[in-house]
Amino acid sequence: MVQPIGPYRDMTIRDQTIGYHMVMSRTQTLVQLNQALLARLDERAARESRSRSALVRDAIERYLEDELTAEVDRRIVAGYTRIPQTAAEDAWAAAAARDAVAEEPW
């Protein structure tokens, strides 16, 4: 059985809202940025009509999700290393991929 990878593994940006109007509590955090990074952040915030805070929250969420995704990848590789696919499974997968591509209405 695969164990949970982290307490927030299923949380997305949408999960920040509870019910219709209740928002999860947040903690203010001080982050120090150099002028060049701050300028890039402000440019992007203006371009997307979003706040600095929203951009930073999204960036941190994606950064942490990348770590969780990498852990899932490591576990998949470990599983296939422990129990490799058979030649028959490889042949079936290749045939299924060819069939799926052939069915596409390119």
N, C-alpha and C. Protein backbone atom coordinates (compact mmCIF):
# COMPACT_ATOMS: atom_id res chain seq x y z
N MET A 1 0.84 -1.18 0.00
CA MET A 1 0.00 0.00 0.00
C MET A 1 0.88 1.24 0.00
N VAL A 2 0.54 2.23 -0.80
CA VAL A 2 1.29 3.48 -0.87
C VAL A 2 0.85 4.38 0.28
N GLN A 3 1.81 4.89 1.02
CA GLN A 3 1.54 5.78 2.14
C GLN A 3 1.35 7.20 1.64
N PRO A 4 0.59 8.02 2.35
CA PRO A 4 0.47 9.43 1.96
C PRO A 4 1.84 10.09 1.91
N ILE A 5 2.01 11.00 0.99
CA ILE A 5 3.30 11.66 0.81
C ILE A 5 3.42 12.88 1.69
N GLY A 6 2.36 13.55 1.98
CA GLY A 6 2.41 14.74 2.81
C GLY A 6 1.02 15.17 3.20
N PRO A 7 0.90 16.00 4.23
CA PRO A 7 -0.42 16.36 4.71
C PRO A 7 -1.23 17.20 3.74
N TYR A 8 -0.57 17.86 2.77
CA TYR A 8 -1.28 18.73 1.84
C TYR A 8 -1.30 18.18 0.42
N ARG A 9 -1.10 16.88 0.26
CA ARG A 9 -0.94 16.29 -1.07
C ARG A 9 -2.14 16.50 -1.97
N ASP A 10 -3.32 16.61 -1.40
CA ASP A 10 -4.51 16.77 -2.23
C ASP A 10 -5.01 18.20 -2.27
N MET A 11 -4.29 19.12 -1.63
CA MET A 11 -4.77 20.50 -1.56
C MET A 11 -4.38 21.28 -2.81
N THR A 12 -5.34 21.99 -3.35
CA THR A 12 -5.10 22.86 -4.48
C THR A 12 -5.50 24.28 -4.09
N ILE A 13 -5.30 25.20 -4.98
CA ILE A 13 -5.68 26.58 -4.72
C ILE A 13 -7.18 26.66 -4.40
N ARG A 14 -7.97 25.87 -5.08
CA ARG A 14 -9.41 25.89 -4.86
C ARG A 14 -9.77 25.48 -3.44
N ASP A 15 -8.93 24.67 -2.78
CA ASP A 15 -9.22 24.19 -1.43
C ASP A 15 -9.07 25.28 -0.38
N GLN A 16 -8.58 26.44 -0.74
CA GLN A 16 -8.42 27.51 0.23
C GLN A 16 -9.76 28.08 0.66
N THR A 17 -10.80 27.87 -0.12
CA THR A 17 -12.12 28.37 0.23
C THR A 17 -12.94 27.22 0.80
N ILE A 18 -13.54 27.48 1.95
CA ILE A 18 -14.38 26.48 2.60
C ILE A 18 -15.82 26.95 2.43
N GLY A 19 -16.69 26.08 1.98
CA GLY A 19 -18.07 26.49 1.76
C GLY A 19 -18.13 27.52 0.66
N TYR A 20 -19.01 28.49 0.81
CA TYR A 20 -19.16 29.50 -0.23
C TYR A 20 -18.32 30.74 0.02
N HIS A 21 -18.24 31.17 1.28
CA HIS A 21 -17.59 32.44 1.54
C HIS A 21 -16.55 32.38 2.64
N MET A 22 -16.36 31.24 3.24
CA MET A 22 -15.40 31.13 4.34
C MET A 22 -14.02 30.82 3.79
N VAL A 23 -13.05 31.63 4.11
CA VAL A 23 -11.69 31.43 3.63
C VAL A 23 -10.85 30.91 4.78
N MET A 24 -9.96 29.95 4.49
CA MET A 24 -9.08 29.42 5.53
C MET A 24 -8.22 30.55 6.06
N SER A 25 -7.91 30.48 7.35
CA SER A 25 -7.07 31.52 7.92
C SER A 25 -5.67 31.46 7.32
N ARG A 26 -5.03 32.62 7.27
CA ARG A 26 -3.70 32.72 6.70
C ARG A 26 -2.79 33.38 7.71
N THR A 27 -1.51 33.11 7.56
CA THR A 27 -0.50 33.74 8.39
C THR A 27 0.35 34.63 7.52
N GLN A 28 0.56 35.84 7.97
CA GLN A 28 1.39 36.76 7.21
C GLN A 28 2.86 36.37 7.42
N THR A 29 3.62 36.35 6.33
CA THR A 29 5.02 35.97 6.38
C THR A 29 5.84 37.03 5.66
N LEU A 30 6.95 37.39 6.26
CA LEU A 30 7.85 38.37 5.65
C LEU A 30 8.82 37.64 4.73
N VAL A 31 8.91 38.09 3.49
CA VAL A 31 9.83 37.52 2.52
C VAL A 31 10.68 38.65 1.98
N GLN A 32 11.98 38.48 2.03
CA GLN A 32 12.87 39.53 1.53
C GLN A 32 13.25 39.22 0.08
N LEU A 33 13.07 40.22 -0.79
CA LEU A 33 13.37 40.07 -2.21
C LEU A 33 14.32 41.18 -2.63
N ASN A 34 15.20 40.87 -3.60
CA ASN A 34 16.03 41.95 -4.13
C ASN A 34 15.19 42.78 -5.10
N GLN A 35 15.71 43.93 -5.48
CA GLN A 35 14.94 44.86 -6.32
C GLN A 35 14.58 44.28 -7.68
N ALA A 36 15.49 43.51 -8.27
CA ALA A 36 15.23 42.93 -9.59
C ALA A 36 14.08 41.92 -9.52
N LEU A 37 14.09 41.07 -8.49
CA LEU A 37 13.03 40.08 -8.35
C LEU A 37 11.70 40.77 -8.03
N LEU A 38 11.74 41.78 -7.19
CA LEU A 38 10.53 42.52 -6.86
C LEU A 38 9.95 43.20 -8.11
N ALA A 39 10.80 43.75 -8.94
CA ALA A 39 10.34 44.39 -10.18
C ALA A 39 9.67 43.36 -11.09
N ARG A 40 10.28 42.19 -11.22
CA ARG A 40 9.67 41.13 -12.05
C ARG A 40 8.33 40.69 -11.49
N LEU A 41 8.26 40.58 -10.17
CA LEU A 41 7.02 40.18 -9.51
C LEU A 41 5.93 41.23 -9.76
N ASP A 42 6.28 42.50 -9.60
CA ASP A 42 5.31 43.57 -9.83
C ASP A 42 4.85 43.62 -11.28
N GLU A 43 5.75 43.40 -12.21
CA GLU A 43 5.38 43.39 -13.63
C GLU A 43 4.37 42.28 -13.91
N ARG A 44 4.65 41.12 -13.38
CA ARG A 44 3.75 39.99 -13.61
C ARG A 44 2.41 40.23 -12.92
N ALA A 45 2.44 40.75 -11.71
CA ALA A 45 1.20 41.03 -10.98
C ALA A 45 0.34 42.02 -11.78
N ALA A 46 0.96 43.05 -12.31
CA ALA A 46 0.22 44.04 -13.10
C ALA A 46 -0.34 43.41 -14.38
N ARG A 47 0.48 42.59 -15.03
CA ARG A 47 0.06 41.96 -16.28
C ARG A 47 -1.14 41.04 -16.07
N GLU A 48 -1.16 40.36 -14.91
CA GLU A 48 -2.23 39.39 -14.63
C GLU A 48 -3.34 39.97 -13.75
N SER A 49 -3.22 41.24 -13.40
CA SER A 49 -4.20 41.89 -12.51
C SER A 49 -4.39 41.11 -11.22
N ARG A 50 -3.27 40.75 -10.62
CA ARG A 50 -3.29 39.98 -9.38
C ARG A 50 -2.40 40.67 -8.36
N SER A 51 -2.52 40.27 -7.13
CA SER A 51 -1.68 40.84 -6.08
C SER A 51 -0.35 40.09 -6.00
N ARG A 52 0.62 40.76 -5.40
CA ARG A 52 1.90 40.08 -5.14
C ARG A 52 1.66 38.83 -4.31
N SER A 53 0.84 38.97 -3.29
CA SER A 53 0.59 37.84 -2.38
C SER A 53 0.04 36.62 -3.13
N ALA A 54 -0.91 36.87 -4.02
CA ALA A 54 -1.50 35.77 -4.77
C ALA A 54 -0.46 35.08 -5.64
N LEU A 55 0.39 35.87 -6.28
CA LEU A 55 1.45 35.27 -7.12
C LEU A 55 2.43 34.47 -6.28
N VAL A 56 2.83 35.01 -5.14
CA VAL A 56 3.79 34.30 -4.28
C VAL A 56 3.16 33.02 -3.74
N ARG A 57 1.90 33.08 -3.30
CA ARG A 57 1.22 31.86 -2.82
C ARG A 57 1.19 30.80 -3.90
N ASP A 58 0.79 31.19 -5.12
CA ASP A 58 0.73 30.22 -6.22
C ASP A 58 2.10 29.63 -6.54
N ALA A 59 3.13 30.48 -6.52
CA ALA A 59 4.48 30.00 -6.82
C ALA A 59 4.95 29.00 -5.77
N ILE A 60 4.69 29.30 -4.51
CA ILE A 60 5.09 28.39 -3.43
C ILE A 60 4.32 27.07 -3.54
N GLU A 61 3.03 27.17 -3.83
CA GLU A 61 2.23 25.95 -3.97
C GLU A 61 2.78 25.07 -5.09
N ARG A 62 3.08 25.67 -6.23
CA ARG A 62 3.63 24.89 -7.35
C ARG A 62 4.98 24.29 -7.00
N TYR A 63 5.81 25.06 -6.33
CA TYR A 63 7.13 24.58 -5.92
C TYR A 63 6.99 23.35 -5.02
N LEU A 64 6.10 23.41 -4.05
CA LEU A 64 5.91 22.30 -3.14
C LEU A 64 5.23 21.12 -3.82
N GLU A 65 4.32 21.38 -4.75
CA GLU A 65 3.70 20.29 -5.51
C GLU A 65 4.73 19.57 -6.36
N ASP A 66 5.70 20.30 -6.90
CA ASP A 66 6.77 19.67 -7.68
C ASP A 66 7.51 18.64 -6.83
N GLU A 67 7.73 18.97 -5.56
CA GLU A 67 8.41 18.04 -4.65
C GLU A 67 7.57 16.78 -4.45
N LEU A 68 6.26 16.96 -4.27
CA LEU A 68 5.38 15.80 -4.10
C LEU A 68 5.32 14.95 -5.36
N THR A 69 5.27 15.61 -6.51
CA THR A 69 5.26 14.88 -7.78
C THR A 69 6.54 14.08 -7.95
N ALA A 70 7.67 14.68 -7.58
CA ALA A 70 8.94 13.97 -7.68
C ALA A 70 8.95 12.75 -6.76
N GLU A 71 8.34 12.86 -5.59
CA GLU A 71 8.27 11.72 -4.66
C GLU A 71 7.41 10.61 -5.25
N VAL A 72 6.30 10.96 -5.87
CA VAL A 72 5.46 9.95 -6.53
C VAL A 72 6.26 9.26 -7.63
N ASP A 73 6.99 10.04 -8.43
CA ASP A 73 7.82 9.47 -9.49
C ASP A 73 8.85 8.50 -8.92
N ARG A 74 9.50 8.91 -7.83
CA ARG A 74 10.49 8.02 -7.20
C ARG A 74 9.86 6.71 -6.75
N ARG A 75 8.65 6.80 -6.20
CA ARG A 75 7.98 5.58 -5.73
C ARG A 75 7.57 4.68 -6.89
N ILE A 76 7.15 5.27 -8.00
CA ILE A 76 6.80 4.47 -9.17
C ILE A 76 8.03 3.75 -9.70
N VAL A 77 9.14 4.48 -9.83
CA VAL A 77 10.38 3.86 -10.30
C VAL A 77 10.80 2.74 -9.36
N ALA A 78 10.71 2.97 -8.06
CA ALA A 78 11.08 1.94 -7.08
C ALA A 78 10.21 0.70 -7.23
N GLY A 79 8.90 0.92 -7.47
CA GLY A 79 8.00 -0.21 -7.65
C GLY A 79 8.33 -1.03 -8.88
N TYR A 80 8.60 -0.35 -10.00
CA TYR A 80 8.94 -1.08 -11.22
C TYR A 80 10.34 -1.68 -11.15
N THR A 81 11.21 -1.12 -10.33
CA THR A 81 12.52 -1.72 -10.13
C THR A 81 12.37 -3.00 -9.32
N ARG A 82 11.50 -2.95 -8.31
CA ARG A 82 11.25 -4.12 -7.47
C ARG A 82 10.53 -5.22 -8.24
N ILE A 83 9.52 -4.83 -9.03
CA ILE A 83 8.72 -5.80 -9.81
C ILE A 83 8.64 -5.27 -11.24
N PRO A 84 9.62 -5.61 -12.07
CA PRO A 84 9.64 -5.09 -13.46
C PRO A 84 8.48 -5.63 -14.28
N GLN A 85 8.12 -4.85 -15.32
CA GLN A 85 7.12 -5.33 -16.26
C GLN A 85 7.65 -6.52 -17.01
N THR A 86 6.74 -7.41 -17.38
CA THR A 86 7.11 -8.57 -18.18
C THR A 86 7.15 -8.17 -19.66
N ALA A 87 7.72 -9.03 -20.47
CA ALA A 87 7.75 -8.78 -21.91
C ALA A 87 6.33 -8.72 -22.47
N ALA A 88 5.45 -9.55 -21.95
CA ALA A 88 4.06 -9.55 -22.41
C ALA A 88 3.38 -8.22 -22.07
N GLU A 89 3.65 -7.69 -20.88
CA GLU A 89 3.07 -6.40 -20.48
C GLU A 89 3.62 -5.28 -21.36
N ASP A 90 4.92 -5.33 -21.67
CA ASP A 90 5.52 -4.33 -22.56
C ASP A 90 4.87 -4.37 -23.94
N ALA A 91 4.66 -5.57 -24.46
CA ALA A 91 4.05 -5.72 -25.79
C ALA A 91 2.62 -5.20 -25.77
N TRP A 92 1.87 -5.51 -24.72
CA TRP A 92 0.50 -5.02 -24.61
C TRP A 92 0.48 -3.49 -24.56
N ALA A 93 1.36 -2.89 -23.77
CA ALA A 93 1.40 -1.43 -23.64
C ALA A 93 1.73 -0.78 -24.98
N ALA A 94 2.68 -1.34 -25.70
CA ALA A 94 3.05 -0.79 -27.01
C ALA A 94 1.89 -0.89 -27.98
N ALA A 95 1.20 -2.02 -27.98
CA ALA A 95 0.05 -2.19 -28.88
C ALA A 95 -1.08 -1.23 -28.51
N ALA A 96 -1.32 -1.05 -27.22
CA ALA A 96 -2.37 -0.14 -26.77
C ALA A 96 -2.05 1.29 -27.17
N ALA A 97 -0.78 1.68 -27.07
CA ALA A 97 -0.37 3.03 -27.47
C ALA A 97 -0.56 3.22 -28.97
N ARG A 98 -0.16 2.23 -29.77
CA ARG A 98 -0.35 2.33 -31.23
C ARG A 98 -1.83 2.45 -31.56
N ASP A 99 -2.67 1.65 -30.91
CA ASP A 99 -4.12 1.70 -31.17
C ASP A 99 -4.70 3.05 -30.79
N ALA A 100 -4.26 3.61 -29.68
CA ALA A 100 -4.79 4.90 -29.22
C ALA A 100 -4.40 6.00 -30.22
N VAL A 101 -3.18 5.97 -30.71
CA VAL A 101 -2.73 6.98 -31.70
C VAL A 101 -3.49 6.81 -32.99
N ALA A 102 -3.70 5.56 -33.40
CA ALA A 102 -4.42 5.30 -34.66
C ALA A 102 -5.87 5.78 -34.60
N GLU A 103 -6.45 5.77 -33.41
CA GLU A 103 -7.85 6.18 -33.25
C GLU A 103 -8.03 7.70 -33.22
N GLU A 104 -6.95 8.44 -33.07
CA GLU A 104 -7.03 9.90 -32.99
C GLU A 104 -7.44 10.47 -34.35
N PRO A 105 -8.36 11.44 -34.36
CA PRO A 105 -8.79 12.05 -35.62
C PRO A 105 -7.87 13.20 -36.04
N TRP A 106 -6.64 12.91 -36.29
CA TRP A 106 -5.65 13.93 -36.63
C TRP A 106 -6.13 14.67 -37.82
